[in-house]
Amino acid sequence: MSGASAELRAVLRDQMPLEVDVFGGDSWQMFLTSPRRALWAALFYRSWLLSSTPSVDTRIAIGIGGVEYVPDRRVSEGQGEAFDISGRLLRSMAKTPLMRFGCPDAARRETWDAVVQLVDYIVATQWTQPRARAVTGALREWKQRDIAALWGARVIRQASVSEHLGKAGWSAINAAVDAFEAAWRDGA
């Protein structure tokens, strides 16, 4: 998880003031200053994990709300509505789905939780290690020839990257991420 955390922080350094906080063995928490990037960050984290070790995945509860206290060092010491929502949601989650969404507004919560669960279904049923690897690059808005470099010494063609993205449901996932970012652009 530390590799995924470092990579995520490198990409979102202006919106992620603290490292991902791993605690209690397998629990972790992250804090983003902008709610609009929450779904993107969740998908990037999962794609990075699945592309590195296909048998490793994680449950994610996205909580958007007010924040009363942002600690200097450990995200898990934070306080406020966003922390409470994500914590309650995570504790209530069963084995599936692996991603859920919560916020104070009931109508928005219902809509975006449904979207997040649909995205989670695509990830859970369609992503293989190569597909997750391709999505990791696509989330960074890399060109397909640059995504192919993620395979290292085993060179793959651009057409193979395109095929991996298609089978990963990339167009639907990308549309969901774009809609989420537009809906939460101003933190509203």
Protein backbone atom coordinates (compact mmCIF):
# COMPACT_ATOMS: atom_id res chain seq x y z
CA MET A 1 0.00 0.00 0.00
CA SER A 2 2.90 2.35 0.59
CA GLY A 3 3.75 2.37 -3.12
CA ALA A 4 0.17 3.26 -4.04
CA SER A 5 0.12 5.94 -1.36
CA ALA A 6 3.38 7.52 -2.53
CA GLU A 7 2.26 7.50 -6.15
CA LEU A 8 -1.10 9.03 -5.29
CA ARG A 9 0.49 11.75 -3.21
CA ALA A 10 2.95 12.53 -6.00
CA VAL A 11 0.04 13.05 -8.40
CA LEU A 12 -2.20 14.97 -5.97
CA ARG A 13 0.47 16.79 -3.94
CA ASP A 14 -1.45 20.10 -3.96
CA GLN A 15 -4.68 18.42 -2.77
CA MET A 16 -3.30 15.79 -0.42
CA PRO A 17 -1.44 17.52 2.40
CA LEU A 18 -0.83 14.35 4.44
CA GLU A 19 0.40 10.85 3.69
CA VAL A 20 -2.14 8.03 3.57
CA ASP A 21 -2.39 6.89 7.19
CA VAL A 22 -2.27 3.12 7.71
CA PHE A 23 -3.41 2.03 11.15
CA GLY A 24 -4.78 -1.03 12.91
CA GLY A 25 -2.92 -3.33 10.52
CA ASP A 26 -5.08 -3.09 7.42
CA SER A 27 -7.10 0.10 7.86
CA TRP A 28 -6.13 3.31 6.12
CA GLN A 29 -7.39 6.83 5.65
CA MET A 30 -6.60 9.69 3.30
CA PHE A 31 -7.62 13.34 3.28
CA LEU A 32 -8.12 15.46 0.17
CA THR A 33 -8.61 19.21 0.36
CA SER A 34 -10.91 19.09 -2.68
CA PRO A 35 -13.88 16.69 -2.72
CA ARG A 36 -14.03 16.73 -6.52
CA ARG A 37 -10.98 14.43 -6.77
CA ALA A 38 -12.30 11.81 -4.31
CA LEU A 39 -13.64 9.31 -6.86
CA TRP A 40 -10.56 9.76 -9.05
CA ALA A 41 -8.29 9.13 -6.03
CA ALA A 42 -10.26 6.04 -4.99
CA LEU A 43 -10.01 4.58 -8.48
CA PHE A 44 -6.34 5.47 -8.83
CA TYR A 45 -5.59 3.77 -5.51
CA ARG A 46 -7.49 0.62 -6.47
CA SER A 47 -6.04 0.49 -9.99
CA TRP A 48 -2.51 0.90 -8.65
CA LEU A 49 -3.02 -1.87 -6.08
CA LEU A 50 -4.65 -4.26 -8.56
CA SER A 51 -2.01 -3.61 -11.21
CA SER A 52 0.77 -4.32 -8.72
CA THR A 53 -0.71 -7.35 -6.99
CA PRO A 54 -3.93 -8.66 -8.55
CA SER A 55 -5.11 -10.40 -5.40
CA VAL A 56 -4.89 -7.17 -3.35
CA ASP A 57 -7.86 -4.83 -3.33
CA THR A 58 -9.31 -2.51 -0.71
CA ARG A 59 -12.61 -1.23 0.59
CA ILE A 60 -13.12 2.51 0.19
CA ALA A 61 -15.73 4.76 1.77
CA ILE A 62 -15.78 8.24 0.27
CA GLY A 63 -17.09 10.76 2.79
CA ILE A 64 -17.72 14.37 1.83
CA GLY A 65 -18.65 16.89 4.50
CA GLY A 66 -17.34 19.49 6.86
CA VAL A 67 -13.94 19.16 8.51
CA GLU A 68 -13.32 20.57 11.98
CA TYR A 69 -9.73 19.53 12.54
CA VAL A 70 -6.96 18.52 10.14
CA PRO A 71 -4.02 17.08 12.07
CA ASP A 72 -0.42 17.95 11.32
CA ARG A 73 0.74 14.37 10.92
CA ARG A 74 -1.83 11.54 11.06
CA VAL A 75 -5.02 11.73 8.99
CA SER A 76 -6.68 9.24 11.35
CA GLU A 77 -6.65 11.93 14.07
CA GLY A 78 -8.84 14.24 11.95
CA GLN A 79 -12.28 15.30 13.10
CA GLY A 80 -15.45 16.42 11.43
CA GLU A 81 -18.40 15.35 9.39
CA ALA A 82 -16.37 13.95 6.46
CA PHE A 83 -14.37 11.72 8.80
CA ASP A 84 -17.52 10.58 10.64
CA ILE A 85 -19.41 9.80 7.42
CA SER A 86 -16.60 7.76 5.88
CA GLY A 87 -15.93 5.90 9.14
CA ARG A 88 -19.59 4.95 9.69
CA LEU A 89 -19.97 3.95 6.07
CA LEU A 90 -16.86 1.79 6.11
CA ARG A 91 -17.94 0.03 9.30
CA SER A 92 -21.36 -0.72 7.77
CA MET A 93 -19.98 -2.16 4.52
CA ALA A 94 -20.20 -5.86 3.83
CA LYS A 95 -17.77 -7.70 1.56
CA THR A 96 -19.37 -6.16 -1.54
CA PRO A 97 -19.52 -3.56 -2.84
CA LEU A 98 -15.98 -2.40 -2.09
CA MET A 99 -16.74 1.29 -2.67
CA ARG A 100 -19.49 3.44 -1.19
CA PHE A 101 -20.23 7.15 -0.99
CA GLY A 102 -21.71 9.36 1.71
CA CYS A 103 -22.44 13.05 2.26
CA PRO A 104 -24.92 15.05 4.39
CA ASP A 105 -27.35 15.78 1.51
CA ALA A 106 -29.68 12.76 1.17
CA ALA A 107 -30.51 13.24 -2.53
CA ARG A 108 -26.87 13.69 -3.54
CA ARG A 109 -25.84 10.81 -1.29
CA GLU A 110 -28.33 8.46 -2.92
CA THR A 111 -27.36 9.47 -6.46
CA TRP A 112 -23.60 9.38 -5.99
CA ASP A 113 -23.64 6.23 -3.89
CA ALA A 114 -25.44 4.50 -6.78
CA VAL A 115 -22.84 5.80 -9.26
CA VAL A 116 -19.96 4.73 -7.02
CA GLN A 117 -21.45 1.26 -6.58
CA LEU A 118 -21.88 0.89 -10.36
CA VAL A 119 -18.25 1.92 -10.89
CA ASP A 120 -17.24 -0.55 -8.18
CA TYR A 121 -19.15 -3.31 -9.99
CA ILE A 122 -17.20 -2.60 -13.18
CA VAL A 123 -13.91 -2.69 -11.27
CA ALA A 124 -14.80 -5.89 -9.40
CA THR A 125 -16.05 -7.80 -12.43
CA GLN A 126 -13.99 -6.46 -15.32
CA TRP A 127 -10.57 -5.44 -14.06
CA THR A 128 -7.67 -7.82 -14.43
CA GLN A 129 -4.09 -6.89 -13.63
CA PRO A 130 -3.38 -5.63 -17.18
CA ARG A 131 -6.67 -3.72 -17.33
CA ALA A 132 -6.00 -2.07 -13.96
CA ARG A 133 -2.51 -1.14 -15.18
CA ALA A 134 -3.97 0.51 -18.28
CA VAL A 135 -6.53 2.40 -16.19
CA THR A 136 -3.75 3.67 -13.90
CA GLY A 137 -2.22 5.45 -16.88
CA ALA A 138 -5.55 6.55 -18.33
CA LEU A 139 -6.50 8.18 -15.02
CA ARG A 140 -3.31 10.22 -15.35
CA GLU A 141 -4.47 11.22 -18.85
CA TRP A 142 -1.47 9.58 -20.48
CA LYS A 143 -1.50 8.74 -24.18
CA GLN A 144 -1.91 5.04 -24.90
CA ARG A 145 1.69 4.73 -26.16
CA ASP A 146 2.85 6.10 -22.78
CA ILE A 147 0.56 3.71 -20.92
CA ALA A 148 2.21 0.84 -22.83
CA ALA A 149 5.48 1.75 -21.07
CA LEU A 150 3.91 0.60 -17.77
CA TRP A 151 4.57 -2.96 -18.97
CA GLY A 152 8.32 -2.30 -18.70
CA ALA A 153 10.55 -4.66 -20.66
CA ARG A 154 7.53 -6.57 -21.94
CA VAL A 155 6.57 -4.21 -24.72
CA ILE A 156 2.90 -4.11 -25.67
CA ARG A 157 1.28 -2.35 -28.59
CA GLN A 158 -1.01 0.68 -28.40
CA ALA A 159 -3.82 -1.53 -29.73
CA SER A 160 -3.40 -3.81 -26.70
CA VAL A 161 -3.67 -0.83 -24.35
CA SER A 162 -6.84 0.24 -26.16
CA GLU A 163 -8.26 -3.27 -25.79
CA HIS A 164 -7.42 -3.38 -22.06
CA LEU A 165 -9.11 0.00 -21.52
CA GLY A 166 -12.19 -1.07 -23.47
CA LYS A 167 -12.59 -4.28 -21.50
CA ALA A 168 -11.99 -2.39 -18.23
CA GLY A 169 -15.02 -0.20 -18.96
CA TRP A 170 -12.82 2.87 -19.19
CA SER A 171 -15.26 5.04 -21.15
CA ALA A 172 -18.02 4.54 -18.54
CA ILE A 173 -15.61 5.00 -15.65
CA ASN A 174 -14.13 8.13 -17.19
CA ALA A 175 -17.64 9.56 -17.71
CA ALA A 176 -18.49 8.86 -14.06
CA VAL A 177 -15.27 10.52 -12.86
CA ASP A 178 -15.89 13.57 -15.07
CA ALA A 179 -19.49 13.89 -13.81
CA PHE A 180 -18.36 13.50 -10.19
CA GLU A 181 -15.69 16.18 -10.62
CA ALA A 182 -18.19 18.56 -12.22
CA ALA A 183 -20.75 17.96 -9.45
CA TRP A 184 -18.23 18.57 -6.66
CA ARG A 185 -16.08 21.20 -8.41
CA ASP A 186 -16.65 23.94 -5.85
CA GLY A 187 -16.87 21.59 -2.87
CA ALA A 188 -20.63 22.11 -2.85
